[in-house]
Amino acid sequence: MASAAREWWSQRREKMEGRECRTCSSRFMIPSVKEVAAATVDSVLHRDGKHSTNAEEERRLARAHECTNAGVKAGLEAGTYAGVISSIGTFAGVRFIPWAKANLNYTAQALIISAATVGTYFVVTEKTILACSRDASYARLERERASAQST
């Protein structure tokens, strides 16, 4: 019964997407992030069952991957610095400020430090990815303008 339901669901999903999805059929309902990413890259590179020879699409995918990696590296670096700085400030405050000593237990201290670290990571990562994408868009626009002027 369970295998029949899984097969029915995967066939239904393939019909709804209008394509064959071999990477997503291993799960019953929710595909993993890895499977979704593989299916997305597959759909971009393999349109109409053929491998795309469009160098521009492959260049854009490589640039997106490069921007994501740069964003993660910048986010980790900024998150590390924010964690160290917020922990120093929090521990010093708890030790020397009477109100903080009375009201901030270990859980509150950990929450302050982790909120600063995670918040900084996400903000810096997003800003870096957007800046990289913006630069790529400007570069592509300049290439299109240059090719339009040369013809």
N, C-alpha and C. Protein backbone atom coordinates (compact mmCIF):
# COMPACT_ATOMS: atom_id res chain seq x y z
N MET A 1 0.81 -1.20 0.00
CA MET A 1 0.00 0.00 0.00
C MET A 1 0.86 1.26 0.00
N ALA A 2 1.90 1.29 0.85
CA ALA A 2 2.73 2.48 0.95
C ALA A 2 3.52 2.71 -0.34
N SER A 3 4.02 1.63 -0.94
CA SER A 3 4.79 1.80 -2.19
C SER A 3 3.87 2.26 -3.33
N ALA A 4 2.63 1.80 -3.33
CA ALA A 4 1.69 2.24 -4.37
C ALA A 4 1.35 3.72 -4.19
N ALA A 5 1.19 4.16 -2.95
CA ALA A 5 0.91 5.57 -2.69
C ALA A 5 2.10 6.44 -3.09
N ARG A 6 3.31 5.95 -2.80
CA ARG A 6 4.50 6.71 -3.17
C ARG A 6 4.62 6.82 -4.68
N GLU A 7 4.38 5.74 -5.36
CA GLU A 7 4.44 5.75 -6.84
C GLU A 7 3.38 6.68 -7.42
N TRP A 8 2.17 6.64 -6.87
CA TRP A 8 1.11 7.53 -7.34
C TRP A 8 1.50 8.98 -7.14
N TRP A 9 2.06 9.30 -5.95
CA TRP A 9 2.42 10.69 -5.67
C TRP A 9 3.54 11.16 -6.59
N SER A 10 4.53 10.33 -6.84
CA SER A 10 5.63 10.76 -7.72
C SER A 10 5.14 10.95 -9.15
N GLN A 11 4.22 10.09 -9.62
CA GLN A 11 3.67 10.27 -10.96
C GLN A 11 2.84 11.55 -11.03
N ARG A 12 2.08 11.83 -9.99
CA ARG A 12 1.27 13.05 -9.95
C ARG A 12 2.15 14.29 -9.98
N ARG A 13 3.23 14.27 -9.20
CA ARG A 13 4.14 15.41 -9.16
C ARG A 13 4.81 15.61 -10.51
N GLU A 14 5.22 14.53 -11.16
CA GLU A 14 5.83 14.64 -12.48
C GLU A 14 4.85 15.21 -13.50
N LYS A 15 3.58 14.81 -13.40
CA LYS A 15 2.57 15.37 -14.29
C LYS A 15 2.38 16.85 -14.05
N MET A 16 2.32 17.25 -12.77
CA MET A 16 2.12 18.65 -12.44
C MET A 16 3.29 19.50 -12.93
N GLU A 17 4.50 18.97 -12.84
CA GLU A 17 5.67 19.71 -13.29
C GLU A 17 5.83 19.65 -14.79
N GLY A 18 5.19 18.69 -15.42
CA GLY A 18 5.26 18.57 -16.86
C GLY A 18 6.57 18.00 -17.35
N ARG A 19 7.28 17.26 -16.49
CA ARG A 19 8.54 16.68 -16.92
C ARG A 19 8.85 15.46 -16.06
N GLU A 20 9.81 14.72 -16.49
CA GLU A 20 10.28 13.57 -15.71
C GLU A 20 11.21 14.07 -14.61
N CYS A 21 11.04 13.59 -13.41
CA CYS A 21 11.88 14.02 -12.30
C CYS A 21 12.43 12.78 -11.63
N ARG A 22 13.54 12.27 -12.13
CA ARG A 22 14.11 11.06 -11.57
C ARG A 22 14.76 11.33 -10.21
N THR A 23 15.25 12.54 -10.00
CA THR A 23 15.94 12.82 -8.74
C THR A 23 14.97 12.99 -7.58
N CYS A 24 13.72 13.38 -7.86
CA CYS A 24 12.77 13.64 -6.78
C CYS A 24 11.94 12.41 -6.40
N SER A 25 12.04 11.33 -7.13
CA SER A 25 11.14 10.20 -6.90
C SER A 25 11.56 9.35 -5.72
N SER A 26 12.69 9.63 -5.08
CA SER A 26 13.12 8.80 -3.96
C SER A 26 12.39 9.15 -2.67
N ARG A 27 11.74 10.28 -2.59
CA ARG A 27 11.02 10.69 -1.39
C ARG A 27 9.52 10.61 -1.61
N PHE A 28 8.77 10.45 -0.52
CA PHE A 28 7.32 10.33 -0.64
C PHE A 28 6.68 11.67 -0.95
N MET A 29 6.91 12.70 -0.11
CA MET A 29 6.24 13.97 -0.33
C MET A 29 7.20 15.14 -0.46
N ILE A 30 8.17 15.25 0.42
CA ILE A 30 9.01 16.44 0.46
C ILE A 30 10.42 16.07 0.00
N PRO A 31 10.85 16.63 -1.12
CA PRO A 31 12.22 16.35 -1.56
C PRO A 31 13.23 17.10 -0.70
N SER A 32 14.43 16.56 -0.62
CA SER A 32 15.47 17.24 0.14
C SER A 32 15.98 18.44 -0.65
N VAL A 33 16.73 19.29 0.02
CA VAL A 33 17.28 20.49 -0.62
C VAL A 33 18.22 20.08 -1.76
N LYS A 34 18.98 19.03 -1.54
CA LYS A 34 19.91 18.55 -2.56
C LYS A 34 19.16 18.10 -3.81
N GLU A 35 18.04 17.41 -3.63
CA GLU A 35 17.25 16.95 -4.77
C GLU A 35 16.61 18.12 -5.51
N VAL A 36 16.14 19.12 -4.78
CA VAL A 36 15.53 20.28 -5.42
C VAL A 36 16.58 21.04 -6.22
N ALA A 37 17.78 21.21 -5.66
CA ALA A 37 18.85 21.91 -6.37
C ALA A 37 19.25 21.15 -7.63
N ALA A 38 19.35 19.83 -7.53
CA ALA A 38 19.71 19.03 -8.70
C ALA A 38 18.63 19.12 -9.77
N ALA A 39 17.37 19.10 -9.35
CA ALA A 39 16.28 19.20 -10.32
C ALA A 39 16.25 20.58 -10.97
N THR A 40 16.56 21.63 -10.21
CA THR A 40 16.57 22.98 -10.76
C THR A 40 17.68 23.14 -11.78
N VAL A 41 18.88 22.70 -11.45
CA VAL A 41 20.00 22.78 -12.40
C VAL A 41 19.70 21.90 -13.61
N ASP A 42 19.11 20.73 -13.36
CA ASP A 42 18.73 19.84 -14.46
C ASP A 42 17.75 20.52 -15.40
N SER A 43 16.75 21.22 -14.84
CA SER A 43 15.75 21.85 -15.69
C SER A 43 16.34 23.00 -16.49
N VAL A 44 17.35 23.68 -15.94
CA VAL A 44 17.96 24.78 -16.67
C VAL A 44 18.88 24.25 -17.77
N LEU A 45 19.66 23.24 -17.45
CA LEU A 45 20.63 22.74 -18.42
C LEU A 45 20.06 21.75 -19.42
N HIS A 46 18.99 21.07 -19.08
CA HIS A 46 18.44 20.04 -19.95
C HIS A 46 17.02 20.39 -20.36
N ARG A 47 16.88 21.35 -21.21
CA ARG A 47 15.55 21.71 -21.71
C ARG A 47 15.23 20.84 -22.91
N ASP A 48 14.00 20.40 -22.99
CA ASP A 48 13.51 19.55 -24.07
C ASP A 48 14.32 18.27 -24.21
N GLY A 49 14.83 17.74 -23.10
CA GLY A 49 15.54 16.48 -23.11
C GLY A 49 16.94 16.55 -23.68
N LYS A 50 17.40 17.73 -24.07
CA LYS A 50 18.74 17.87 -24.62
C LYS A 50 19.57 18.74 -23.69
N HIS A 51 20.86 18.47 -23.68
CA HIS A 51 21.76 19.28 -22.88
C HIS A 51 21.93 20.64 -23.55
N SER A 52 21.78 21.69 -22.76
CA SER A 52 21.87 23.03 -23.31
C SER A 52 23.31 23.34 -23.69
N THR A 53 23.46 23.90 -24.87
CA THR A 53 24.79 24.33 -25.30
C THR A 53 24.94 25.83 -25.14
N ASN A 54 23.97 26.44 -24.49
CA ASN A 54 24.01 27.87 -24.30
C ASN A 54 25.05 28.20 -23.24
N ALA A 55 26.12 28.82 -23.64
CA ALA A 55 27.20 29.14 -22.71
C ALA A 55 26.77 30.21 -21.72
N GLU A 56 25.84 31.07 -22.12
CA GLU A 56 25.39 32.13 -21.23
C GLU A 56 24.66 31.56 -20.00
N GLU A 57 23.83 30.54 -20.20
CA GLU A 57 23.14 29.91 -19.07
C GLU A 57 24.13 29.26 -18.12
N GLU A 58 25.09 28.56 -18.68
CA GLU A 58 26.09 27.90 -17.84
C GLU A 58 26.95 28.93 -17.12
N ARG A 59 27.25 30.03 -17.77
CA ARG A 59 28.02 31.10 -17.14
C ARG A 59 27.22 31.73 -16.00
N ARG A 60 25.93 31.92 -16.21
CA ARG A 60 25.09 32.49 -15.15
C ARG A 60 24.99 31.55 -13.95
N LEU A 61 24.86 30.25 -14.21
CA LEU A 61 24.81 29.29 -13.10
C LEU A 61 26.13 29.28 -12.33
N ALA A 62 27.24 29.34 -13.05
CA ALA A 62 28.54 29.36 -12.38
C ALA A 62 28.71 30.64 -11.57
N ARG A 63 28.25 31.76 -12.12
CA ARG A 63 28.33 33.04 -11.41
C ARG A 63 27.45 33.02 -10.16
N ALA A 64 26.26 32.43 -10.25
CA ALA A 64 25.38 32.33 -9.09
C ALA A 64 26.02 31.48 -7.99
N HIS A 65 26.66 30.39 -8.40
CA HIS A 65 27.35 29.53 -7.44
C HIS A 65 28.51 30.30 -6.79
N GLU A 66 29.23 31.05 -7.59
CA GLU A 66 30.35 31.84 -7.07
C GLU A 66 29.86 32.92 -6.10
N CYS A 67 28.76 33.59 -6.44
CA CYS A 67 28.19 34.61 -5.56
C CYS A 67 27.72 34.01 -4.24
N THR A 68 27.11 32.84 -4.31
CA THR A 68 26.64 32.18 -3.09
C THR A 68 27.81 31.81 -2.19
N ASN A 69 28.85 31.26 -2.78
CA ASN A 69 30.03 30.89 -1.98
C ASN A 69 30.67 32.12 -1.35
N ALA A 70 30.77 33.21 -2.10
CA ALA A 70 31.35 34.44 -1.55
C ALA A 70 30.49 34.97 -0.41
N GLY A 71 29.17 34.90 -0.56
CA GLY A 71 28.28 35.35 0.50
C GLY A 71 28.40 34.53 1.76
N VAL A 72 28.51 33.22 1.61
CA VAL A 72 28.64 32.35 2.78
C VAL A 72 29.96 32.62 3.50
N LYS A 73 31.04 32.79 2.74
CA LYS A 73 32.34 33.07 3.37
C LYS A 73 32.32 34.40 4.11
N ALA A 74 31.76 35.43 3.49
CA ALA A 74 31.68 36.74 4.15
C ALA A 74 30.77 36.67 5.37
N GLY A 75 29.67 35.94 5.28
CA GLY A 75 28.75 35.80 6.40
C GLY A 75 29.38 35.07 7.58
N LEU A 76 30.13 34.01 7.28
CA LEU A 76 30.81 33.28 8.36
C LEU A 76 31.84 34.15 9.05
N GLU A 77 32.59 34.90 8.27
CA GLU A 77 33.60 35.77 8.87
C GLU A 77 32.95 36.84 9.75
N ALA A 78 31.92 37.50 9.23
CA ALA A 78 31.25 38.55 10.00
C ALA A 78 30.53 37.96 11.22
N GLY A 79 29.93 36.78 11.06
CA GLY A 79 29.26 36.12 12.18
C GLY A 79 30.23 35.74 13.29
N THR A 80 31.41 35.31 12.90
CA THR A 80 32.44 34.97 13.89
C THR A 80 32.85 36.21 14.68
N TYR A 81 33.13 37.29 13.95
CA TYR A 81 33.49 38.53 14.65
C TYR A 81 32.36 39.02 15.55
N ALA A 82 31.14 38.97 15.07
CA ALA A 82 30.00 39.42 15.88
C ALA A 82 29.83 38.55 17.12
N GLY A 83 30.03 37.24 16.97
CA GLY A 83 29.92 36.35 18.12
C GLY A 83 30.96 36.64 19.18
N VAL A 84 32.19 36.88 18.75
CA VAL A 84 33.25 37.17 19.71
C VAL A 84 32.99 38.51 20.40
N ILE A 85 32.65 39.52 19.62
CA ILE A 85 32.43 40.85 20.20
C ILE A 85 31.21 40.85 21.12
N SER A 86 30.12 40.21 20.70
CA SER A 86 28.93 40.20 21.56
C SER A 86 29.15 39.36 22.81
N SER A 87 29.94 38.31 22.72
CA SER A 87 30.19 37.51 23.92
C SER A 87 31.06 38.28 24.91
N ILE A 88 32.05 39.01 24.41
CA ILE A 88 32.87 39.82 25.32
C ILE A 88 32.01 40.86 26.01
N GLY A 89 31.19 41.55 25.22
CA GLY A 89 30.31 42.57 25.81
C GLY A 89 29.31 41.99 26.79
N THR A 90 28.73 40.86 26.46
CA THR A 90 27.73 40.24 27.33
C THR A 90 28.35 39.75 28.63
N PHE A 91 29.48 39.07 28.53
CA PHE A 91 30.13 38.56 29.75
C PHE A 91 30.64 39.69 30.63
N ALA A 92 31.16 40.75 30.02
CA ALA A 92 31.61 41.89 30.81
C ALA A 92 30.42 42.59 31.48
N GLY A 93 29.33 42.74 30.73
CA GLY A 93 28.15 43.37 31.30
C GLY A 93 27.58 42.59 32.46
N VAL A 94 27.53 41.28 32.35
CA VAL A 94 26.98 40.44 33.41
C VAL A 94 27.88 40.48 34.64
N ARG A 95 29.14 40.68 34.40
CA ARG A 95 30.05 40.69 35.55
C ARG A 95 30.08 42.04 36.27
N PHE A 96 29.97 43.14 35.52
CA PHE A 96 30.18 44.45 36.13
C PHE A 96 28.91 45.29 36.32
N ILE A 97 27.83 45.00 35.63
CA ILE A 97 26.62 45.79 35.75
C ILE A 97 25.65 45.06 36.68
N PRO A 98 25.24 45.69 37.77
CA PRO A 98 24.40 45.01 38.76
C PRO A 98 23.06 44.51 38.18
N TRP A 99 22.41 45.32 37.34
CA TRP A 99 21.13 44.89 36.77
C TRP A 99 21.31 43.64 35.92
N ALA A 100 22.35 43.63 35.07
CA ALA A 100 22.59 42.48 34.20
C ALA A 100 22.95 41.25 35.03
N LYS A 101 23.71 41.46 36.10
CA LYS A 101 24.08 40.33 36.96
C LYS A 101 22.84 39.70 37.59
N ALA A 102 21.88 40.54 37.96
CA ALA A 102 20.67 40.04 38.62
C ALA A 102 19.67 39.44 37.64
N ASN A 103 19.62 39.94 36.41
CA ASN A 103 18.53 39.56 35.51
C ASN A 103 18.90 38.68 34.33
N LEU A 104 20.16 38.58 33.97
CA LEU A 104 20.54 37.78 32.79
C LEU A 104 21.16 36.46 33.22
N ASN A 105 20.37 35.40 33.12
CA ASN A 105 20.91 34.08 33.44
C ASN A 105 21.69 33.54 32.24
N TYR A 106 22.15 32.29 32.34
CA TYR A 106 22.97 31.72 31.27
C TYR A 106 22.21 31.61 29.95
N THR A 107 20.93 31.31 30.03
CA THR A 107 20.13 31.20 28.82
C THR A 107 20.00 32.54 28.12
N ALA A 108 19.78 33.59 28.86
CA ALA A 108 19.67 34.92 28.27
C ALA A 108 20.99 35.34 27.63
N GLN A 109 22.08 35.03 28.29
CA GLN A 109 23.39 35.37 27.73
C GLN A 109 23.63 34.63 26.42
N ALA A 110 23.31 33.35 26.40
CA ALA A 110 23.48 32.57 25.17
C ALA A 110 22.57 33.08 24.07
N LEU A 111 21.37 33.48 24.43
CA LEU A 111 20.43 34.01 23.45
C LEU A 111 20.93 35.33 22.84
N ILE A 112 21.48 36.19 23.67
CA ILE A 112 22.03 37.46 23.17
C ILE A 112 23.17 37.21 22.20
N ILE A 113 24.07 36.33 22.57
CA ILE A 113 25.24 36.05 21.73
C ILE A 113 24.82 35.38 20.42
N SER A 114 23.96 34.38 20.52
CA SER A 114 23.57 33.67 19.30
C SER A 114 22.71 34.53 18.39
N ALA A 115 21.87 35.41 18.95
CA ALA A 115 21.07 36.29 18.11
C ALA A 115 21.95 37.25 17.34
N ALA A 116 22.96 37.79 17.99
CA ALA A 116 23.88 38.70 17.30
C ALA A 116 24.65 37.97 16.22
N THR A 117 25.09 36.76 16.50
CA THR A 117 25.88 36.00 15.54
C THR A 117 25.05 35.61 14.32
N VAL A 118 23.89 35.03 14.56
CA VAL A 118 23.04 34.57 13.46
C VAL A 118 22.50 35.73 12.64
N GLY A 119 22.09 36.79 13.31
CA GLY A 119 21.60 37.96 12.60
C GLY A 119 22.66 38.56 11.69
N THR A 120 23.87 38.69 12.21
CA THR A 120 24.96 39.22 11.41
C THR A 120 25.27 38.32 10.23
N TYR A 121 25.28 37.01 10.46
CA TYR A 121 25.56 36.07 9.37
C TYR A 121 24.57 36.26 8.23
N PHE A 122 23.28 36.27 8.54
CA PHE A 122 22.27 36.35 7.48
C PHE A 122 22.29 37.70 6.76
N VAL A 123 22.46 38.78 7.50
CA VAL A 123 22.47 40.10 6.88
C VAL A 123 23.66 40.24 5.94
N VAL A 124 24.84 39.86 6.40
CA VAL A 124 26.05 40.00 5.58
C VAL A 124 26.00 39.05 4.39
N THR A 125 25.52 37.84 4.58
CA THR A 125 25.42 36.89 3.46
C THR A 125 24.48 37.43 2.39
N GLU A 126 23.31 37.91 2.79
CA GLU A 126 22.36 38.42 1.82
C GLU A 126 22.90 39.64 1.09
N LYS A 127 23.51 40.56 1.82
CA LYS A 127 24.05 41.76 1.18
C LYS A 127 25.17 41.41 0.21
N THR A 128 26.01 40.45 0.55
CA THR A 128 27.10 40.06 -0.33
C THR A 128 26.57 39.40 -1.60
N ILE A 129 25.59 38.52 -1.46
CA ILE A 129 25.02 37.86 -2.63
C ILE A 129 24.34 38.88 -3.54
N LEU A 130 23.59 39.81 -2.95
CA LEU A 130 22.93 40.82 -3.76
C LEU A 130 23.92 41.74 -4.46
N ALA A 131 25.00 42.12 -3.77
CA ALA A 131 26.02 42.97 -4.40
C ALA A 131 26.70 42.24 -5.55
N CYS A 132 26.99 40.97 -5.35
CA CYS A 132 27.62 40.18 -6.41
C CYS A 132 26.68 40.03 -7.61
N SER A 133 25.41 39.80 -7.35
CA SER A 133 24.43 39.69 -8.43
C SER A 133 24.26 41.01 -9.16
N ARG A 134 24.26 42.11 -8.42
CA ARG A 134 24.15 43.42 -9.03
C ARG A 134 25.35 43.70 -9.95
N ASP A 135 26.55 43.36 -9.47
CA ASP A 135 27.75 43.55 -10.30
C ASP A 135 27.68 42.71 -11.56
N ALA A 136 27.18 41.48 -11.43
CA ALA A 136 27.05 40.61 -12.60
C ALA A 136 26.03 41.17 -13.58
N SER A 137 24.95 41.74 -13.06
CA SER A 137 23.93 42.33 -13.93
C SER A 137 24.48 43.54 -14.67
N TYR A 138 25.24 44.39 -13.97
CA TYR A 138 25.83 45.56 -14.62
C TYR A 138 26.84 45.13 -15.69
N ALA A 139 27.64 44.11 -15.38
CA ALA A 139 28.62 43.63 -16.36
C ALA A 139 27.91 43.07 -17.59
N ARG A 140 26.82 42.33 -17.39
CA ARG A 140 26.07 41.78 -18.53
C ARG A 140 25.44 42.90 -19.35
N LEU A 141 24.92 43.92 -18.67
CA LEU A 141 24.33 45.06 -19.37
C LEU A 141 25.37 45.79 -20.20
N GLU A 142 26.56 45.97 -19.65
CA GLU A 142 27.63 46.63 -20.40
C GLU A 142 28.06 45.80 -21.61
N ARG A 143 28.10 44.47 -21.45
CA ARG A 143 28.44 43.59 -22.59
C ARG A 143 27.39 43.70 -23.67
N GLU A 144 26.10 43.73 -23.29
CA GLU A 144 25.03 43.84 -24.28
C GLU A 144 25.08 45.19 -24.99
N ARG A 145 25.38 46.27 -24.25
CA ARG A 145 25.48 47.58 -24.87
C ARG A 145 26.66 47.64 -25.83
N ALA A 146 27.78 47.06 -25.42
CA ALA A 146 28.97 47.06 -26.28
C ALA A 146 28.72 46.26 -27.57
N SER A 147 28.04 45.12 -27.43
CA SER A 147 27.76 44.32 -28.63
C SER A 147 26.74 44.99 -29.53
N ALA A 148 25.79 45.74 -28.94
CA ALA A 148 24.79 46.45 -29.74
C ALA A 148 25.42 47.63 -30.48
N GLN A 149 26.39 48.29 -29.86
CA GLN A 149 27.06 49.41 -30.51
C GLN A 149 28.01 48.96 -31.61
N SER A 150 28.61 47.76 -31.43
CA SER A 150 29.57 47.28 -32.42
C SER A 150 28.85 46.76 -33.70
N THR A 151 27.60 46.39 -33.56
CA THR A 151 26.89 45.88 -34.76
C THR A 151 26.15 46.95 -35.48
